[in-house]
């Protein structure tokens, strides 16, 4: 029995990156051999076991043969005669197909180390084309390593295009698509995930509402980049900078970035005779966002913020023009009193939308401070004081709302005076 460290841990060690998890491959052993040594079987489809002490994953070396549609349509063989090289050959990218023995020696039959040096994401073999999930995985790895100068090898990108045109992507479950997309949104350059999926034709299959935006024009005065798809990608970059600046947690980061992917979906359905203007795109964007979130089965917090940003982002951009009563309706829609954190995430997304335009990247966005001041003033209204004055029932609710609008009006007047 021989045990090798494989995959991401070997890759990240060569890239001088922190190692999060260690995966191991066992050659020359059977499932019974591992069970007798105290390993715990956890793999349903594959022979994977947890080490009795470290609880790290140990998989029997295996080969795979395509036997059906989709990413689950494989027959797995994990006999004791399967070699390390055969196991590594079924992996997606050369940089993930390296191993290290217990003496620290590198086993690299597919030149992954060379591709790390050349900063290339390259498929291991033509078997790459058998698993449609690899299209999303390679795009996600680009989102992770793009900041280090990595690009996808041209021949690999061509294979991704072949898979996208084969109909195989339709066999991916919504949960799997969302899992890969959510992981991509956590990477340093999430916009590269979507750009590459668009380039190879996969985005049209898994996220057609977003794919439609590329090539759709916007008014040059407000959007010098013109192309709506390019604008949406720019909002991802702007949001990543703001998220880092404000130390936003992982779950909220996902919600913000996904909301920006959806905020202009309605522009993909604007009648041609209306272009480059997009009147009423907000309501259409909200409707499409609901459909996308249902299809991908996104978490409820992601769906909620995405629909709010889709419907109300132009309210935020026009905040100084809004009547106090309109600002109040915005706060009610955001449920600011009970969910104050929603306002923070909403404002960050809107600021990223404003800065995700050519020439606007560094421009100030005072709407954030203004709406925060309005919200803080509104919250100062004390319902108990009104109860003590004799208000109750429906009349109490009306008076609370009137007082809150008055508080917003005072803030608006103070900004006008300044």
Protein backbone atom coordinates (compact mmCIF):
# COMPACT_ATOMS: atom_id res chain seq x y z
CA UNK A 1 0.00 0.00 0.00
CA UNK A 2 1.40 3.39 -1.07
CA UNK A 3 -0.04 6.75 -0.03
CA UNK A 4 0.44 10.02 -1.93
CA UNK A 5 -0.55 13.62 -1.27
CA UNK A 6 -2.42 14.81 -4.37
CA UNK A 7 -4.27 17.69 -5.99
CA UNK A 8 -4.70 21.14 -4.51
CA UNK A 9 -2.25 20.74 -1.64
CA UNK A 10 0.59 19.87 -4.03
CA UNK A 11 -0.39 22.68 -6.40
CA UNK A 12 -0.68 25.31 -3.70
CA UNK A 13 2.64 24.32 -2.15
CA UNK A 14 4.34 24.97 -5.50
CA UNK A 15 2.49 28.29 -5.75
CA UNK A 16 3.55 29.24 -2.20
CA UNK A 17 -0.09 29.53 -1.17
CA UNK A 18 -1.56 28.50 2.19
CA UNK A 19 -2.80 24.90 2.17
CA UNK A 20 -6.39 24.54 3.37
CA UNK A 21 -7.08 20.83 2.91
CA UNK A 22 -4.97 17.79 2.16
CA UNK A 23 -6.27 14.96 -0.02
CA UNK A 24 -4.56 11.60 -0.35
CA UNK A 25 -4.60 8.75 -2.84
CA UNK A 26 -3.98 5.16 -1.79
CA UNK A 27 -2.43 2.83 -4.38
CA UNK A 28 -2.35 -0.95 -4.10
CA UNK A 29 -5.03 -1.33 -1.42
CA UNK A 30 -8.66 -2.37 -1.24
CA UNK A 31 -11.59 -0.94 0.71
CA UNK A 32 -11.30 -3.84 3.16
CA UNK A 33 -7.64 -2.99 3.77
CA UNK A 34 -8.55 0.52 4.83
CA UNK A 35 -11.56 -0.50 6.90
CA UNK A 36 -9.41 -2.97 8.84
CA UNK A 37 -7.05 -0.11 9.71
CA UNK A 38 -9.87 1.98 11.14
CA UNK A 39 -10.65 4.22 8.17
CA UNK A 40 -14.30 5.28 7.84
CA UNK A 41 -16.02 4.93 4.45
CA UNK A 42 -17.77 8.15 3.37
CA UNK A 43 -17.92 8.03 -0.43
CA UNK A 44 -21.26 7.05 -1.94
CA UNK A 45 -20.15 6.99 -5.57
CA UNK A 46 -16.38 6.72 -5.08
CA UNK A 47 -14.14 4.79 -2.65
CA UNK A 48 -13.33 7.64 -0.23
CA UNK A 49 -12.40 7.16 3.43
CA UNK A 50 -11.63 9.33 6.46
CA UNK A 51 -8.35 8.75 8.30
CA UNK A 52 -9.02 7.48 11.86
CA UNK A 53 -6.88 10.22 13.46
CA UNK A 54 -6.62 13.21 11.09
CA UNK A 55 -10.07 12.72 9.44
CA UNK A 56 -8.52 13.81 6.13
CA UNK A 57 -9.87 12.19 2.95
CA UNK A 58 -8.10 9.15 1.52
CA UNK A 59 -9.35 7.85 -1.83
CA UNK A 60 -8.46 4.59 -3.50
CA UNK A 61 -6.71 5.10 -6.82
CA UNK A 62 -9.34 4.71 -9.52
CA UNK A 63 -10.11 4.96 -13.19
CA UNK A 64 -13.36 6.20 -14.73
CA UNK A 65 -15.22 5.30 -17.91
CA UNK A 66 -17.98 7.41 -19.41
CA UNK A 67 -21.23 5.45 -19.31
CA UNK A 68 -24.01 8.03 -19.43
CA UNK A 69 -24.94 11.70 -19.72
CA UNK A 70 -23.80 14.46 -17.39
CA UNK A 71 -21.12 14.63 -14.72
CA UNK A 72 -22.45 11.57 -12.85
CA UNK A 73 -22.49 9.26 -15.86
CA UNK A 74 -19.27 7.39 -15.06
CA UNK A 75 -18.32 3.86 -14.09
CA UNK A 76 -15.60 3.77 -11.47
CA UNK A 77 -12.94 1.04 -11.08
CA UNK A 78 -10.76 1.06 -7.94
CA UNK A 79 -8.87 -2.22 -8.07
CA UNK A 80 -5.50 -2.76 -6.44
CA UNK A 81 -3.87 -2.74 -9.89
CA UNK A 82 -4.76 0.90 -10.63
CA UNK A 83 -1.55 2.97 -10.79
CA UNK A 84 -0.96 6.48 -9.51
CA UNK A 85 -0.46 7.74 -13.08
CA UNK A 86 -3.82 6.26 -14.12
CA UNK A 87 -5.53 7.97 -11.19
CA UNK A 88 -3.90 11.31 -12.00
CA UNK A 89 -4.87 11.01 -15.67
CA UNK A 90 -8.60 11.33 -14.89
CA UNK A 91 -8.14 14.74 -13.23
CA UNK A 92 -9.20 17.97 -14.90
CA UNK A 93 -6.11 20.21 -15.08
CA UNK A 94 -2.41 19.43 -15.16
CA UNK A 95 -1.81 21.67 -12.14
CA UNK A 96 -4.25 19.45 -10.20
CA UNK A 97 -2.73 16.20 -11.49
CA UNK A 98 0.45 16.16 -9.42
CA UNK A 99 1.33 14.02 -6.41
CA UNK A 100 3.94 13.93 -3.68
CA UNK A 101 5.27 10.84 -1.92
CA UNK A 102 6.14 10.55 1.77
CA UNK A 103 9.72 11.57 1.03
CA UNK A 104 8.59 14.82 -0.54
CA UNK A 105 9.32 13.78 -4.14
CA UNK A 106 7.09 15.29 -6.82
CA UNK A 107 5.31 12.95 -9.23
CA UNK A 108 4.26 15.00 -12.24
CA UNK A 109 3.49 12.81 -15.27
CA UNK A 110 1.46 15.51 -17.07
CA UNK A 111 3.85 18.49 -16.66
CA UNK A 112 1.73 20.42 -14.18
CA UNK A 113 4.84 22.11 -12.80
CA UNK A 114 5.63 23.49 -16.25
CA UNK A 115 2.10 24.88 -16.53
CA UNK A 116 2.46 26.53 -13.13
CA UNK A 117 5.64 28.16 -14.42
CA UNK A 118 3.88 29.21 -17.65
CA UNK A 119 0.71 30.19 -15.76
CA UNK A 120 -1.55 28.00 -17.88
CA UNK A 121 -4.72 26.14 -16.97
CA UNK A 122 -4.49 23.14 -19.28
CA UNK A 123 -6.55 19.93 -19.45
CA UNK A 124 -4.80 16.64 -18.69
CA UNK A 125 -6.26 14.56 -21.53
CA UNK A 126 -9.10 14.44 -24.04
CA UNK A 127 -11.16 12.67 -21.36
CA UNK A 128 -11.72 16.24 -20.10
CA UNK A 129 -14.59 16.49 -22.57
CA UNK A 130 -16.54 13.70 -20.83
CA UNK A 131 -17.41 15.75 -17.72
CA UNK A 132 -19.46 18.94 -18.31
CA UNK A 133 -18.85 20.15 -14.76
CA UNK A 134 -15.23 20.78 -15.72
CA UNK A 135 -16.29 23.78 -17.78
CA UNK A 136 -17.46 25.50 -14.60
CA UNK A 137 -14.50 24.22 -12.56
CA UNK A 138 -11.90 25.57 -14.99
CA UNK A 139 -13.69 28.93 -15.10
CA UNK A 140 -13.68 28.96 -11.30
CA UNK A 141 -9.96 28.20 -11.16
CA UNK A 142 -9.37 31.14 -13.49
CA UNK A 143 -11.35 33.34 -11.08
CA UNK A 144 -8.98 32.14 -8.35
CA UNK A 145 -5.66 32.41 -10.17
CA UNK A 146 -6.24 35.24 -12.66
CA UNK A 147 -4.68 37.77 -10.29
CA UNK A 148 -1.47 35.73 -10.46
CA UNK A 149 -1.40 35.97 -14.24
CA UNK A 150 -2.96 32.59 -15.13
CA UNK A 151 -4.94 32.12 -18.33
CA UNK A 152 -6.71 29.12 -19.86
CA UNK A 153 -4.77 27.30 -22.58
CA UNK A 154 -6.39 27.87 -25.97
CA UNK A 155 -6.89 24.16 -26.65
CA UNK A 156 -8.62 23.77 -23.27
CA UNK A 157 -10.90 26.71 -24.00
CA UNK A 158 -11.79 25.07 -27.31
CA UNK A 159 -12.77 21.86 -25.51
CA UNK A 160 -14.90 23.89 -23.11
CA UNK A 161 -16.68 25.34 -26.15
CA UNK A 162 -17.22 21.85 -27.55
CA UNK A 163 -18.81 20.72 -24.27
CA UNK A 164 -21.00 23.84 -24.18
CA UNK A 165 -22.32 23.08 -27.66
CA UNK A 166 -22.90 19.38 -26.96
CA UNK A 167 -25.95 19.71 -24.71
CA UNK A 168 -24.09 18.08 -21.79
CA UNK A 169 -24.31 21.21 -19.62
CA UNK A 170 -28.08 20.77 -19.48
CA UNK A 171 -27.50 17.66 -17.34
CA UNK A 172 -25.91 19.69 -14.54
CA UNK A 173 -28.27 20.01 -11.58
CA UNK A 174 -29.17 23.52 -10.36
CA UNK A 175 -27.51 22.74 -7.03
CA UNK A 176 -24.21 21.88 -8.76
CA UNK A 177 -24.30 25.02 -10.90
CA UNK A 178 -24.99 27.14 -7.83
CA UNK A 179 -22.23 25.44 -5.82
CA UNK A 180 -19.63 26.23 -8.47
CA UNK A 181 -20.96 29.75 -8.98
CA UNK A 182 -21.01 30.46 -5.25
CA UNK A 183 -17.40 29.27 -4.99
CA UNK A 184 -16.44 31.47 -7.94
CA UNK A 185 -17.99 34.49 -6.22
CA UNK A 186 -15.63 33.89 -3.28
CA UNK A 187 -12.52 34.02 -5.48
CA UNK A 188 -10.31 37.06 -6.09
CA UNK A 189 -11.52 37.73 -9.65
CA UNK A 190 -15.11 36.41 -9.86
CA UNK A 191 -15.85 38.33 -13.05
CA UNK A 192 -13.41 36.08 -14.95
CA UNK A 193 -15.64 33.10 -14.19
CA UNK A 194 -18.55 34.68 -16.02
CA UNK A 195 -16.46 36.16 -18.83
CA UNK A 196 -14.94 32.78 -19.66
CA UNK A 197 -18.31 31.01 -19.47
CA UNK A 198 -19.64 33.59 -21.92
CA UNK A 199 -16.62 33.19 -24.20
CA UNK A 200 -17.00 29.39 -24.44
CA UNK A 201 -20.80 29.47 -24.79
CA UNK A 202 -21.60 27.98 -21.39
CA UNK A 203 -23.19 31.13 -19.93
CA UNK A 204 -25.93 30.99 -22.56
CA UNK A 205 -26.88 27.56 -21.19
CA UNK A 206 -26.62 28.05 -17.43
CA UNK A 207 -27.38 31.79 -17.10
CA UNK A 208 -28.97 32.98 -20.37
CA UNK A 209 -30.43 36.10 -18.77
CA UNK A 210 -26.89 37.32 -18.03
CA UNK A 211 -25.46 36.17 -21.37
CA UNK A 212 -28.08 38.29 -23.18
CA UNK A 213 -26.62 41.48 -21.74
CA UNK A 214 -23.37 41.28 -23.71
CA UNK A 215 -23.69 43.50 -26.76
CA UNK A 216 -26.70 45.43 -25.44
CA UNK A 217 -25.93 49.19 -25.63
CA UNK A 218 -26.54 51.81 -22.95
CA UNK A 219 -26.46 55.63 -23.19
CA UNK A 220 -22.78 56.62 -23.58
CA UNK A 221 -23.26 59.69 -21.37
CA UNK A 222 -24.01 57.51 -18.34
CA UNK A 223 -22.16 54.40 -19.51
CA UNK A 224 -19.02 55.19 -21.51
CA UNK A 225 -18.30 51.44 -21.66
CA UNK A 226 -21.67 51.17 -23.53
CA UNK A 227 -21.95 47.35 -23.43
CA UNK A 228 -24.28 46.22 -20.61
CA UNK A 229 -22.47 42.92 -20.14
CA UNK A 230 -19.13 44.70 -19.75
CA UNK A 231 -20.74 47.06 -17.25
CA UNK A 232 -21.99 44.16 -15.14
CA UNK A 233 -18.49 42.65 -15.10
CA UNK A 234 -17.09 46.04 -14.05
CA UNK A 235 -19.52 46.17 -11.14
CA UNK A 236 -18.02 42.89 -9.91
CA UNK A 237 -14.57 44.46 -9.86
CA UNK A 238 -15.82 47.58 -8.10
CA UNK A 239 -17.72 45.49 -5.54
CA UNK A 240 -14.67 43.35 -4.74
CA UNK A 241 -12.74 46.51 -3.87
CA UNK A 242 -15.54 47.86 -1.68
CA UNK A 243 -16.09 44.48 0.01
CA UNK A 244 -12.43 44.33 0.97
CA UNK A 245 -12.48 47.93 2.17
CA UNK A 246 -15.50 47.33 4.41
CA UNK A 247 -14.49 43.81 5.57
CA UNK A 248 -17.77 42.22 4.42
CA UNK A 249 -18.24 38.59 5.47
CA UNK A 250 -18.37 35.70 2.97
CA UNK A 251 -22.15 35.20 2.93
CA UNK A 252 -22.86 38.91 2.42
CA UNK A 253 -20.15 39.06 -0.24
CA UNK A 254 -21.98 36.36 -2.19
CA UNK A 255 -25.29 38.22 -1.90
CA UNK A 256 -23.79 41.54 -3.03
CA UNK A 257 -21.94 40.09 -6.02
CA UNK A 258 -24.89 38.01 -7.18
CA UNK A 259 -27.24 40.97 -6.83
CA UNK A 260 -25.00 42.92 -9.20
CA UNK A 261 -25.11 40.11 -11.74
CA UNK A 262 -28.90 40.43 -11.71
CA UNK A 263 -29.48 44.15 -11.28
CA UNK A 264 -29.70 44.97 -15.01
CA UNK A 265 -31.13 41.72 -16.37
CA UNK A 266 -34.16 43.61 -17.69
CA UNK A 267 -31.95 45.48 -20.17
CA UNK A 268 -31.59 42.25 -22.10
CA UNK A 269 -35.29 42.44 -23.01
CA UNK A 270 -35.45 46.12 -24.00
CA UNK A 271 -37.13 46.52 -27.43
CA UNK A 272 -34.58 47.36 -30.11
CA UNK A 273 -36.36 50.56 -31.09
CA UNK A 274 -35.95 51.88 -27.53
CA UNK A 275 -32.16 51.33 -27.30
CA UNK A 276 -29.89 52.58 -25.93
CA UNK A 277 -32.39 53.72 -23.27
CA UNK A 278 -33.94 51.15 -20.95
CA UNK A 279 -37.11 52.61 -19.42
CA UNK A 280 -38.71 50.38 -16.81
CA UNK A 281 -35.87 47.89 -16.78
CA UNK A 282 -35.93 47.75 -12.97
CA UNK A 283 -39.24 45.90 -12.66
CA UNK A 284 -38.28 43.50 -15.44
CA UNK A 285 -34.93 42.91 -13.73
CA UNK A 286 -36.70 42.08 -10.47
CA UNK A 287 -38.99 39.62 -12.28
CA UNK A 288 -36.07 37.89 -14.03
CA UNK A 289 -34.06 37.81 -10.81
CA UNK A 290 -36.86 35.89 -9.12
CA UNK A 291 -36.84 33.38 -11.98
CA UNK A 292 -33.05 32.97 -11.90
CA UNK A 293 -32.97 32.50 -8.13
CA UNK A 294 -35.74 29.93 -8.31
CA UNK A 295 -33.94 28.02 -11.04
CA UNK A 296 -30.53 28.03 -9.32
CA UNK A 297 -32.11 27.56 -5.88
CA UNK A 298 -30.07 30.32 -4.36
CA UNK A 299 -30.26 30.90 -0.58
CA UNK A 300 -33.10 33.19 0.47
CA UNK A 301 -30.82 36.05 1.65
CA UNK A 302 -29.20 36.10 -1.78
CA UNK A 303 -32.56 36.20 -3.54
CA UNK A 304 -33.95 38.89 -1.26
CA UNK A 305 -31.04 41.30 -1.72
CA UNK A 306 -30.82 40.60 -5.45
CA UNK A 307 -34.49 41.46 -6.00
CA UNK A 308 -34.17 44.64 -3.94
CA UNK A 309 -31.08 45.83 -5.82
CA UNK A 310 -32.74 45.01 -9.16
CA UNK A 311 -35.85 47.02 -8.36
CA UNK A 312 -34.44 49.96 -6.41
CA UNK A 313 -30.86 50.63 -7.56
CA UNK A 314 -31.93 53.66 -9.60
CA UNK A 315 -33.75 55.00 -6.53
CA UNK A 316 -30.40 55.00 -4.78
CA UNK A 317 -28.64 56.73 -7.69
CA UNK A 318 -31.34 59.43 -7.68
CA UNK A 319 -31.52 59.67 -3.88
CA UNK A 320 -31.07 63.46 -3.73
CA UNK A 321 -33.98 63.94 -6.15
CA UNK A 322 -36.42 61.73 -4.24
CA UNK A 323 -39.20 63.12 -2.08
CA UNK A 324 -38.89 62.25 1.63
CA UNK A 325 -41.99 60.06 1.28
CA UNK A 326 -40.31 58.14 -1.58
CA UNK A 327 -37.19 57.62 0.53
CA UNK A 328 -39.49 56.31 3.25
CA UNK A 329 -41.04 53.83 0.82
CA UNK A 330 -37.55 52.67 -0.13
CA UNK A 331 -36.71 52.10 3.54
CA UNK A 332 -39.96 50.19 4.00
CA UNK A 333 -39.13 47.96 1.05
CA UNK A 334 -35.68 47.32 2.53
CA UNK A 335 -37.27 46.71 5.96
CA UNK A 336 -34.63 49.00 7.45
CA UNK A 337 -36.11 49.09 10.95
CA UNK A 338 -36.05 45.31 11.45
CA UNK A 339 -33.15 44.51 9.13
CA UNK A 340 -30.70 47.42 9.28
CA UNK A 341 -27.94 45.28 7.76
CA UNK A 342 -29.88 45.14 4.48
CA UNK A 343 -29.36 48.86 3.94
CA UNK A 344 -25.58 48.46 4.27
CA UNK A 345 -25.46 45.69 1.67
CA UNK A 346 -27.90 47.49 -0.64
CA UNK A 347 -25.88 50.71 -0.55
CA UNK A 348 -22.63 48.89 -1.21
CA UNK A 349 -24.13 47.16 -4.24
CA UNK A 350 -25.48 50.46 -5.58
CA UNK A 351 -22.11 52.16 -5.08
CA UNK A 352 -20.44 49.32 -6.99
CA UNK A 353 -23.01 49.77 -9.76
CA UNK A 354 -22.18 53.47 -9.97
CA UNK A 355 -18.42 52.85 -9.96
CA UNK A 356 -18.60 49.96 -12.39
CA UNK A 357 -18.43 52.31 -15.36
CA UNK A 358 -15.54 53.51 -17.47
CA UNK A 359 -14.16 56.72 -15.93
CA UNK A 360 -16.35 56.49 -12.81
CA UNK A 361 -14.21 54.01 -10.87
CA UNK A 362 -12.83 56.57 -8.41
CA UNK A 363 -15.75 59.02 -8.36
CA UNK A 364 -17.35 59.73 -4.98
CA UNK A 365 -20.82 58.34 -4.30
CA UNK A 366 -22.39 60.64 -1.67
CA UNK A 367 -25.76 58.88 -1.89
CA UNK A 368 -24.46 56.31 0.61
CA UNK A 369 -23.86 58.88 3.37
CA UNK A 370 -27.09 60.69 2.60
CA UNK A 371 -29.33 57.61 2.80
CA UNK A 372 -27.52 56.39 5.91
CA UNK A 373 -28.18 59.76 7.55
CA UNK A 374 -31.83 59.60 6.52
CA UNK A 375 -32.16 56.10 7.96
CA UNK A 376 -30.50 57.09 11.24
CA UNK A 377 -32.79 60.11 11.58
CA UNK A 378 -35.87 58.01 10.85
CA UNK A 379 -34.89 55.54 13.55
CA UNK A 380 -34.79 58.29 16.15
CA UNK A 381 -38.58 58.56 16.09
CA UNK A 382 -39.78 56.98 19.35
CA UNK A 383 -43.14 55.19 19.03
CA UNK A 384 -43.50 55.11 22.84
CA UNK A 385 -43.59 58.90 23.01
CA UNK A 386 -46.44 58.92 20.53
CA UNK A 387 -48.28 56.26 22.55
CA UNK A 388 -47.92 58.48 25.61
CA UNK A 389 -49.48 61.30 23.62
CA UNK A 390 -52.58 59.14 23.09
CA UNK A 391 -51.99 57.73 19.63
CA UNK A 392 -52.99 54.10 19.16
CA UNK A 393 -54.03 51.54 16.58
CA UNK A 394 -54.03 52.62 12.96
CA UNK A 395 -53.66 56.26 13.93
CA UNK A 396 -50.43 55.44 15.78
CA UNK A 397 -48.97 53.78 12.70
CA UNK A 398 -49.88 56.76 10.52
CA UNK A 399 -48.32 59.21 12.97
CA UNK A 400 -45.10 57.17 13.32
CA UNK A 401 -44.71 57.13 9.56
CA UNK A 402 -45.42 60.87 9.30
CA UNK A 403 -42.81 61.65 11.94
CA UNK A 404 -40.25 59.46 10.16
CA UNK A 405 -40.90 61.25 6.86
CA UNK A 406 -40.46 64.57 8.68
CA UNK A 407 -37.11 63.34 10.03
CA UNK A 408 -36.00 62.41 6.52
CA UNK A 409 -37.14 65.82 5.28
CA UNK A 410 -34.94 67.56 7.87
CA UNK A 411 -31.93 65.61 6.62
CA UNK A 412 -32.77 66.47 3.02
CA UNK A 413 -33.04 70.17 3.90
CA UNK A 414 -29.70 70.06 5.72
CA UNK A 415 -28.02 68.62 2.63
CA UNK A 416 -29.62 71.28 0.43
CA UNK A 417 -28.31 74.02 2.76
CA UNK A 418 -24.83 72.53 2.77
